[in-house]
PDB file of N, CA and C in Angstrom:
ATOM      1  N   UNK A   1       0.818  -1.195   0.000  1.00  0.00           N
ATOM      2  CA  UNK A   1       0.000   0.000   0.000  1.00  0.00           C
ATOM      3  C   UNK A   1       0.863   1.261   0.000  1.00  0.00           C
ATOM      4  N   UNK A   2       2.142   1.116   0.217  1.00  0.00           N
ATOM      5  CA  UNK A   2       3.080   2.238   0.172  1.00  0.00           C
ATOM      6  C   UNK A   2       2.660   3.375   1.111  1.00  0.00           C
ATOM      7  N   UNK A   3       2.383   3.013   2.363  1.00  0.00           N
ATOM      8  CA  UNK A   3       1.923   3.999   3.336  1.00  0.00           C
ATOM      9  C   UNK A   3       3.034   4.897   3.852  1.00  0.00           C
ATOM     10  N   UNK A   4       4.271   4.606   3.500  1.00  0.00           N
ATOM     11  CA  UNK A   4       5.374   5.440   3.987  1.00  0.00           C
ATOM     12  C   UNK A   4       5.278   6.866   3.442  1.00  0.00           C
ATOM     13  N   UNK A   5       4.552   7.075   2.376  1.00  0.00           N
ATOM     14  CA  UNK A   5       4.387   8.407   1.791  1.00  0.00           C
ATOM     15  C   UNK A   5       3.152   9.125   2.330  1.00  0.00           C
ATOM     16  N   UNK A   6       2.376   8.460   3.168  1.00  0.00           N
ATOM     17  CA  UNK A   6       1.132   9.028   3.695  1.00  0.00           C
ATOM     18  C   UNK A   6       1.290   9.413   5.161  1.00  0.00           C
ATOM     19  N   UNK A   7       0.405  10.261   5.618  1.00  0.00           N
ATOM     20  CA  UNK A   7       0.320  10.574   7.040  1.00  0.00           C
ATOM     21  C   UNK A   7      -0.955   9.949   7.569  1.00  0.00           C
ATOM     22  N   UNK A   8      -0.823   9.142   8.605  1.00  0.00           N
ATOM     23  CA  UNK A   8      -1.960   8.468   9.221  1.00  0.00           C
ATOM     24  C   UNK A   8      -2.280   9.191  10.524  1.00  0.00           C
ATOM     25  N   UNK A   9      -3.525   9.605  10.673  1.00  0.00           N
ATOM     26  CA  UNK A   9      -3.954  10.255  11.908  1.00  0.00           C
ATOM     27  C   UNK A   9      -4.465   9.172  12.854  1.00  0.00           C
ATOM     28  N   UNK A  10      -3.896   9.122  14.050  1.00  0.00           N
ATOM     29  CA  UNK A  10      -4.166   8.054  15.007  1.00  0.00           C
ATOM     30  C   UNK A  10      -4.773   8.655  16.274  1.00  0.00           C
ATOM     31  N   UNK A  11      -5.643   7.880  16.906  1.00  0.00           N
ATOM     32  CA  UNK A  11      -6.282   8.303  18.145  1.00  0.00           C
ATOM     33  C   UNK A  11      -5.216   8.726  19.153  1.00  0.00           C
ATOM     34  N   UNK A  12      -5.300   9.949  19.630  1.00  0.00           N
ATOM     35  CA  UNK A  12      -4.297  10.469  20.556  1.00  0.00           C
ATOM     36  C   UNK A  12      -4.314   9.744  21.896  1.00  0.00           C
ATOM     37  N   UNK A  13      -5.400   9.035  22.195  1.00  0.00           N
ATOM     38  CA  UNK A  13      -5.485   8.268  23.438  1.00  0.00           C
ATOM     39  C   UNK A  13      -4.765   6.928  23.323  1.00  0.00           C
ATOM     40  N   UNK A  14      -4.230   6.620  22.147  1.00  0.00           N
ATOM     41  CA  UNK A  14      -3.540   5.354  21.909  1.00  0.00           C
ATOM     42  C   UNK A  14      -2.089   5.587  21.491  1.00  0.00           C
ATOM     43  N   UNK A  15      -1.225   6.015  22.413  1.00  0.00           N
ATOM     44  CA  UNK A  15       0.165   6.270  22.036  1.00  0.00           C
ATOM     45  C   UNK A  15       0.895   5.017  21.539  1.00  0.00           C
ATOM     46  N   UNK A  16       0.460   3.843  21.969  1.00  0.00           N
ATOM     47  CA  UNK A  16       1.088   2.608  21.475  1.00  0.00           C
ATOM     48  C   UNK A  16       0.846   2.425  19.986  1.00  0.00           C
ATOM     49  N   UNK A  17      -0.313   2.833  19.505  1.00  0.00           N
ATOM     50  CA  UNK A  17      -0.603   2.735  18.072  1.00  0.00           C
ATOM     51  C   UNK A  17       0.326   3.635  17.276  1.00  0.00           C
ATOM     52  N   UNK A  18       0.525   4.846  17.767  1.00  0.00           N
ATOM     53  CA  UNK A  18       1.431   5.772  17.088  1.00  0.00           C
ATOM     54  C   UNK A  18       2.831   5.185  17.042  1.00  0.00           C
ATOM     55  N   UNK A  19       3.275   4.638  18.150  1.00  0.00           N
ATOM     56  CA  UNK A  19       4.602   4.036  18.216  1.00  0.00           C
ATOM     57  C   UNK A  19       4.712   2.855  17.243  1.00  0.00           C
ATOM     58  N   UNK A  20       3.677   2.012  17.189  1.00  0.00           N
ATOM     59  CA  UNK A  20       3.687   0.854  16.287  1.00  0.00           C
ATOM     60  C   UNK A  20       3.840   1.296  14.835  1.00  0.00           C
ATOM     61  N   UNK A  21       3.048   2.277  14.418  1.00  0.00           N
ATOM     62  CA  UNK A  21       3.124   2.752  13.041  1.00  0.00           C
ATOM     63  C   UNK A  21       4.499   3.337  12.734  1.00  0.00           C
ATOM     64  N   UNK A  22       4.994   4.144  13.641  1.00  0.00           N
ATOM     65  CA  UNK A  22       6.299   4.762  13.415  1.00  0.00           C
ATOM     66  C   UNK A  22       7.415   3.721  13.329  1.00  0.00           C
ATOM     67  N   UNK A  23       7.324   2.679  14.156  1.00  0.00           N
ATOM     68  CA  UNK A  23       8.318   1.604  14.101  1.00  0.00           C
ATOM     69  C   UNK A  23       8.271   0.857  12.768  1.00  0.00           C
ATOM     70  N   UNK A  24       7.126   0.951  12.094  1.00  0.00           N
ATOM     71  CA  UNK A  24       6.954   0.286  10.801  1.00  0.00           C
ATOM     72  C   UNK A  24       7.035   1.281   9.639  1.00  0.00           C
ATOM     73  N   UNK A  25       7.755   2.379   9.875  1.00  0.00           N
ATOM     74  CA  UNK A  25       8.018   3.397   8.854  1.00  0.00           C
ATOM     75  C   UNK A  25       6.765   4.028   8.260  1.00  0.00           C
ATOM     76  N   UNK A  26       5.738   4.194   9.089  1.00  0.00           N
ATOM     77  CA  UNK A  26       4.513   4.865   8.674  1.00  0.00           C
ATOM     78  C   UNK A  26       4.407   6.145   9.483  1.00  0.00           C
ATOM     79  N   UNK A  27       4.221   7.265   8.805  1.00  0.00           N
ATOM     80  CA  UNK A  27       4.141   8.557   9.456  1.00  0.00           C
ATOM     81  C   UNK A  27       2.795   8.685  10.170  1.00  0.00           C
ATOM     82  N   UNK A  28       2.794   8.480  11.484  1.00  0.00           N
ATOM     83  CA  UNK A  28       1.577   8.552  12.276  1.00  0.00           C
ATOM     84  C   UNK A  28       1.630   9.760  13.194  1.00  0.00           C
ATOM     85  N   UNK A  29       0.521  10.489  13.245  1.00  0.00           N
ATOM     86  CA  UNK A  29       0.427  11.662  14.115  1.00  0.00           C
ATOM     87  C   UNK A  29      -0.847  11.561  14.942  1.00  0.00           C
ATOM     88  N   UNK A  30      -0.800  12.044  16.190  1.00  0.00           N
ATOM     89  CA  UNK A  30      -2.018  12.016  17.009  1.00  0.00           C
ATOM     90  C   UNK A  30      -3.035  13.039  16.489  1.00  0.00           C
ATOM     91  N   UNK A  31      -4.295  12.667  16.536  1.00  0.00           N
ATOM     92  CA  UNK A  31      -5.340  13.583  16.081  1.00  0.00           C
ATOM     93  C   UNK A  31      -5.953  14.302  17.277  1.00  0.00           C
ATOM     94  N   UNK A  32      -6.529  15.427  17.027  1.00  0.00           N
ATOM     95  CA  UNK A  32      -7.260  16.174  18.047  1.00  0.00           C
ATOM     96  C   UNK A  32      -8.737  15.874  17.877  1.00  0.00           C
ATOM     97  N   UNK A  33      -9.329  15.344  18.933  1.00  0.00           N
ATOM     98  CA  UNK A  33     -10.752  15.037  18.868  1.00  0.00           C
ATOM     99  C   UNK A  33     -11.541  16.245  19.343  1.00  0.00           C
ATOM    100  N   UNK A  34     -12.551  16.566  18.588  1.00  0.00           N
ATOM    101  CA  UNK A  34     -13.407  17.684  18.953  1.00  0.00           C
ATOM    102  C   UNK A  34     -14.709  17.206  19.559  1.00  0.00           C
ATOM    103  N   UNK A  35     -15.559  18.157  19.860  1.00  0.00           N
ATOM    104  CA  UNK A  35     -16.880  17.864  20.410  1.00  0.00           C
ATOM    105  C   UNK A  35     -17.674  17.023  19.404  1.00  0.00           C
ATOM    106  N   UNK A  36     -18.340  15.996  19.892  1.00  0.00           N
ATOM    107  CA  UNK A  36     -19.184  15.105  19.073  1.00  0.00           C
ATOM    108  C   UNK A  36     -18.404  14.401  17.973  1.00  0.00           C
ATOM    109  N   UNK A  37     -17.109  14.162  18.178  1.00  0.00           N
ATOM    110  CA  UNK A  37     -16.299  13.547  17.123  1.00  0.00           C
ATOM    111  C   UNK A  37     -16.760  12.129  16.799  1.00  0.00           C
ATOM    112  N   UNK A  38     -17.202  11.386  17.800  1.00  0.00           N
ATOM    113  CA  UNK A  38     -17.664  10.020  17.533  1.00  0.00           C
ATOM    114  C   UNK A  38     -18.939  10.060  16.706  1.00  0.00           C
ATOM    115  N   UNK A  39     -19.865  10.924  17.091  1.00  0.00           N
ATOM    116  CA  UNK A  39     -21.128  11.048  16.345  1.00  0.00           C
ATOM    117  C   UNK A  39     -20.864  11.467  14.903  1.00  0.00           C
ATOM    118  N   UNK A  40     -19.986  12.444  14.708  1.00  0.00           N
ATOM    119  CA  UNK A  40     -19.676  12.910  13.357  1.00  0.00           C
ATOM    120  C   UNK A  40     -18.980  11.817  12.542  1.00  0.00           C
ATOM    121  N   UNK A  41     -18.125  11.049  13.188  1.00  0.00           N
ATOM    122  CA  UNK A  41     -17.459   9.947  12.501  1.00  0.00           C
ATOM    123  C   UNK A  41     -18.450   8.886  12.053  1.00  0.00           C
ATOM    124  N   UNK A  42     -19.413   8.575  12.901  1.00  0.00           N
ATOM    125  CA  UNK A  42     -20.439   7.591  12.535  1.00  0.00           C
ATOM    126  C   UNK A  42     -21.311   8.107  11.396  1.00  0.00           C
ATOM    127  N   UNK A  43     -21.628   9.384  11.420  1.00  0.00           N
ATOM    128  CA  UNK A  43     -22.423   9.959  10.335  1.00  0.00           C
ATOM    129  C   UNK A  43     -21.650   9.891   9.019  1.00  0.00           C
ATOM    130  N   UNK A  44     -20.338  10.118   9.076  1.00  0.00           N
ATOM    131  CA  UNK A  44     -19.500  10.009   7.891  1.00  0.00           C
ATOM    132  C   UNK A  44     -19.536   8.580   7.345  1.00  0.00           C
ATOM    133  N   UNK A  45     -19.413   7.591   8.230  1.00  0.00           N
ATOM    134  CA  UNK A  45     -19.413   6.195   7.786  1.00  0.00           C
ATOM    135  C   UNK A  45     -20.751   5.791   7.167  1.00  0.00           C
ATOM    136  N   UNK A  46     -21.847   6.352   7.675  1.00  0.00           N
ATOM    137  CA  UNK A  46     -23.164   6.015   7.154  1.00  0.00           C
ATOM    138  C   UNK A  46     -23.331   6.448   5.704  1.00  0.00           C
ATOM    139  N   UNK A  47     -22.567   7.410   5.276  1.00  0.00           N
ATOM    140  CA  UNK A  47     -22.670   7.914   3.907  1.00  0.00           C
ATOM    141  C   UNK A  47     -21.825   7.123   2.917  1.00  0.00           C
ATOM    142  N   UNK A  48     -21.170   6.059   3.373  1.00  0.00           N
ATOM    143  CA  UNK A  48     -20.270   5.302   2.514  1.00  0.00           C
ATOM    144  C   UNK A  48     -20.554   3.805   2.575  1.00  0.00           C
ATOM    145  N   UNK A  49     -20.240   3.133   1.504  1.00  0.00           N
ATOM    146  CA  UNK A  49     -20.320   1.684   1.464  1.00  0.00           C
ATOM    147  C   UNK A  49     -19.054   1.139   2.112  1.00  0.00           C
ATOM    148  N   UNK A  50     -19.212   0.282   3.100  1.00  0.00           N
ATOM    149  CA  UNK A  50     -18.069  -0.294   3.801  1.00  0.00           C
ATOM    150  C   UNK A  50     -18.031  -1.784   3.497  1.00  0.00           C
ATOM    151  N   UNK A  51     -16.923  -2.244   2.967  1.00  0.00           N
ATOM    152  CA  UNK A  51     -16.733  -3.664   2.680  1.00  0.00           C
ATOM    153  C   UNK A  51     -15.704  -4.181   3.675  1.00  0.00           C
ATOM    154  N   UNK A  52     -16.079  -5.203   4.440  1.00  0.00           N
ATOM    155  CA  UNK A  52     -15.225  -5.723   5.499  1.00  0.00           C
ATOM    156  C   UNK A  52     -14.928  -7.190   5.230  1.00  0.00           C
ATOM    157  N   UNK A  53     -13.663  -7.545   5.315  1.00  0.00           N
ATOM    158  CA  UNK A  53     -13.258  -8.941   5.171  1.00  0.00           C
ATOM    159  C   UNK A  53     -13.838  -9.730   6.346  1.00  0.00           C
ATOM    160  N   UNK A  54     -14.434 -10.890   6.089  1.00  0.00           N
ATOM    161  CA  UNK A  54     -15.043 -11.684   7.167  1.00  0.00           C
ATOM    162  C   UNK A  54     -14.062 -12.074   8.271  1.00  0.00           C
ATOM    163  N   UNK A  55     -12.769 -12.047   7.994  1.00  0.00           N
ATOM    164  CA  UNK A  55     -11.782 -12.384   9.020  1.00  0.00           C
ATOM    165  C   UNK A  55     -11.594 -11.260  10.034  1.00  0.00           C
ATOM    166  N   UNK A  56     -12.119 -10.083   9.753  1.00  0.00           N
ATOM    167  CA  UNK A  56     -11.983  -8.934  10.662  1.00  0.00           C
ATOM    168  C   UNK A  56     -13.104  -8.963  11.693  1.00  0.00           C
ATOM    169  N   UNK A  57     -13.121 -10.009  12.494  1.00  0.00           N
ATOM    170  CA  UNK A  57     -14.241 -10.247  13.406  1.00  0.00           C
ATOM    171  C   UNK A  57     -14.383  -9.134  14.449  1.00  0.00           C
ATOM    172  N   UNK A  58     -13.279  -8.587  14.935  1.00  0.00           N
ATOM    173  CA  UNK A  58     -13.370  -7.519  15.932  1.00  0.00           C
ATOM    174  C   UNK A  58     -13.973  -6.254  15.330  1.00  0.00           C
ATOM    175  N   UNK A  59     -13.607  -5.949  14.082  1.00  0.00           N
ATOM    176  CA  UNK A  59     -14.169  -4.765  13.424  1.00  0.00           C
ATOM    177  C   UNK A  59     -15.655  -4.962  13.145  1.00  0.00           C
ATOM    178  N   UNK A  60     -16.033  -6.163  12.734  1.00  0.00           N
ATOM    179  CA  UNK A  60     -17.450  -6.462  12.490  1.00  0.00           C
ATOM    180  C   UNK A  60     -18.243  -6.292  13.776  1.00  0.00           C
ATOM    181  N   UNK A  61     -17.690  -6.781  14.881  1.00  0.00           N
ATOM    182  CA  UNK A  61     -18.363  -6.634  16.175  1.00  0.00           C
ATOM    183  C   UNK A  61     -18.491  -5.155  16.551  1.00  0.00           C
ATOM    184  N   UNK A  62     -17.450  -4.390  16.287  1.00  0.00           N
ATOM    185  CA  UNK A  62     -17.481  -2.959  16.574  1.00  0.00           C
ATOM    186  C   UNK A  62     -18.563  -2.266  15.748  1.00  0.00           C
ATOM    187  N   UNK A  63     -18.674  -2.607  14.477  1.00  0.00           N
ATOM    188  CA  UNK A  63     -19.709  -2.016  13.628  1.00  0.00           C
ATOM    189  C   UNK A  63     -21.097  -2.385  14.118  1.00  0.00           C
ATOM    190  N   UNK A  64     -21.270  -3.611  14.579  1.00  0.00           N
ATOM    191  CA  UNK A  64     -22.583  -4.034  15.072  1.00  0.00           C
ATOM    192  C   UNK A  64     -22.971  -3.271  16.339  1.00  0.00           C
ATOM    193  N   UNK A  65     -21.994  -2.852  17.119  1.00  0.00           N
ATOM    194  CA  UNK A  65     -22.273  -2.068  18.330  1.00  0.00           C
ATOM    195  C   UNK A  65     -22.835  -0.701  18.002  1.00  0.00           C
ATOM    196  N   UNK A  66     -22.612  -0.214  16.792  1.00  0.00           N
ATOM    197  CA  UNK A  66     -23.077   1.110  16.388  1.00  0.00           C
ATOM    198  C   UNK A  66     -24.292   1.041  15.476  1.00  0.00           C
ATOM    199  N   UNK A  67     -25.027  -0.057  15.507  1.00  0.00           N
ATOM    200  CA  UNK A  67     -26.202  -0.151  14.647  1.00  0.00           C
ATOM    201  C   UNK A  67     -27.350   0.658  15.259  1.00  0.00           C
ATOM    202  N   UNK A  68     -28.239   1.102  14.393  1.00  0.00           N
ATOM    203  CA  UNK A  68     -29.376   1.898  14.818  1.00  0.00           C
ATOM    204  C   UNK A  68     -30.651   1.078  14.689  1.00  0.00           C
ATOM    205  N   UNK A  69     -31.674   1.496  15.402  1.00  0.00           N
ATOM    206  CA  UNK A  69     -32.967   0.841  15.305  1.00  0.00           C
ATOM    207  C   UNK A  69     -33.526   1.095  13.920  1.00  0.00           C
ATOM    208  N   UNK A  70     -33.955   0.017  13.260  1.00  0.00           N
ATOM    209  CA  UNK A  70     -34.482   0.152  11.894  1.00  0.00           C
ATOM    210  C   UNK A  70     -35.968   0.412  11.952  1.00  0.00           C
ATOM    211  N   UNK A  71     -36.437   1.317  11.128  1.00  0.00           N
ATOM    212  CA  UNK A  71     -37.871   1.623  11.093  1.00  0.00           C
ATOM    213  C   UNK A  71     -38.611   0.543  10.319  1.00  0.00           C
ATOM    214  N   UNK A  72     -39.896   0.394  10.591  1.00  0.00           N
ATOM    215  CA  UNK A  72     -40.702  -0.611   9.908  1.00  0.00           C
ATOM    216  C   UNK A  72     -40.934  -0.177   8.488  1.00  0.00           C
TER     217      UNK A  72
END
């Protein structure tokens, strides 16, 4: 994926993630979270088609935790 030329914004509450990326020659920087950042992030994801590999069981579980009540 040639991520060495990209900057990856990483959760500032996870300094180990930043360290991991940097150790693997990926330019990772902590992001600043603003008010309602989780809500805005979920709204962003709702506007896109997300394709997830079935082996990503933890990510699938995380997505299921953010499901909304479906209308009839």
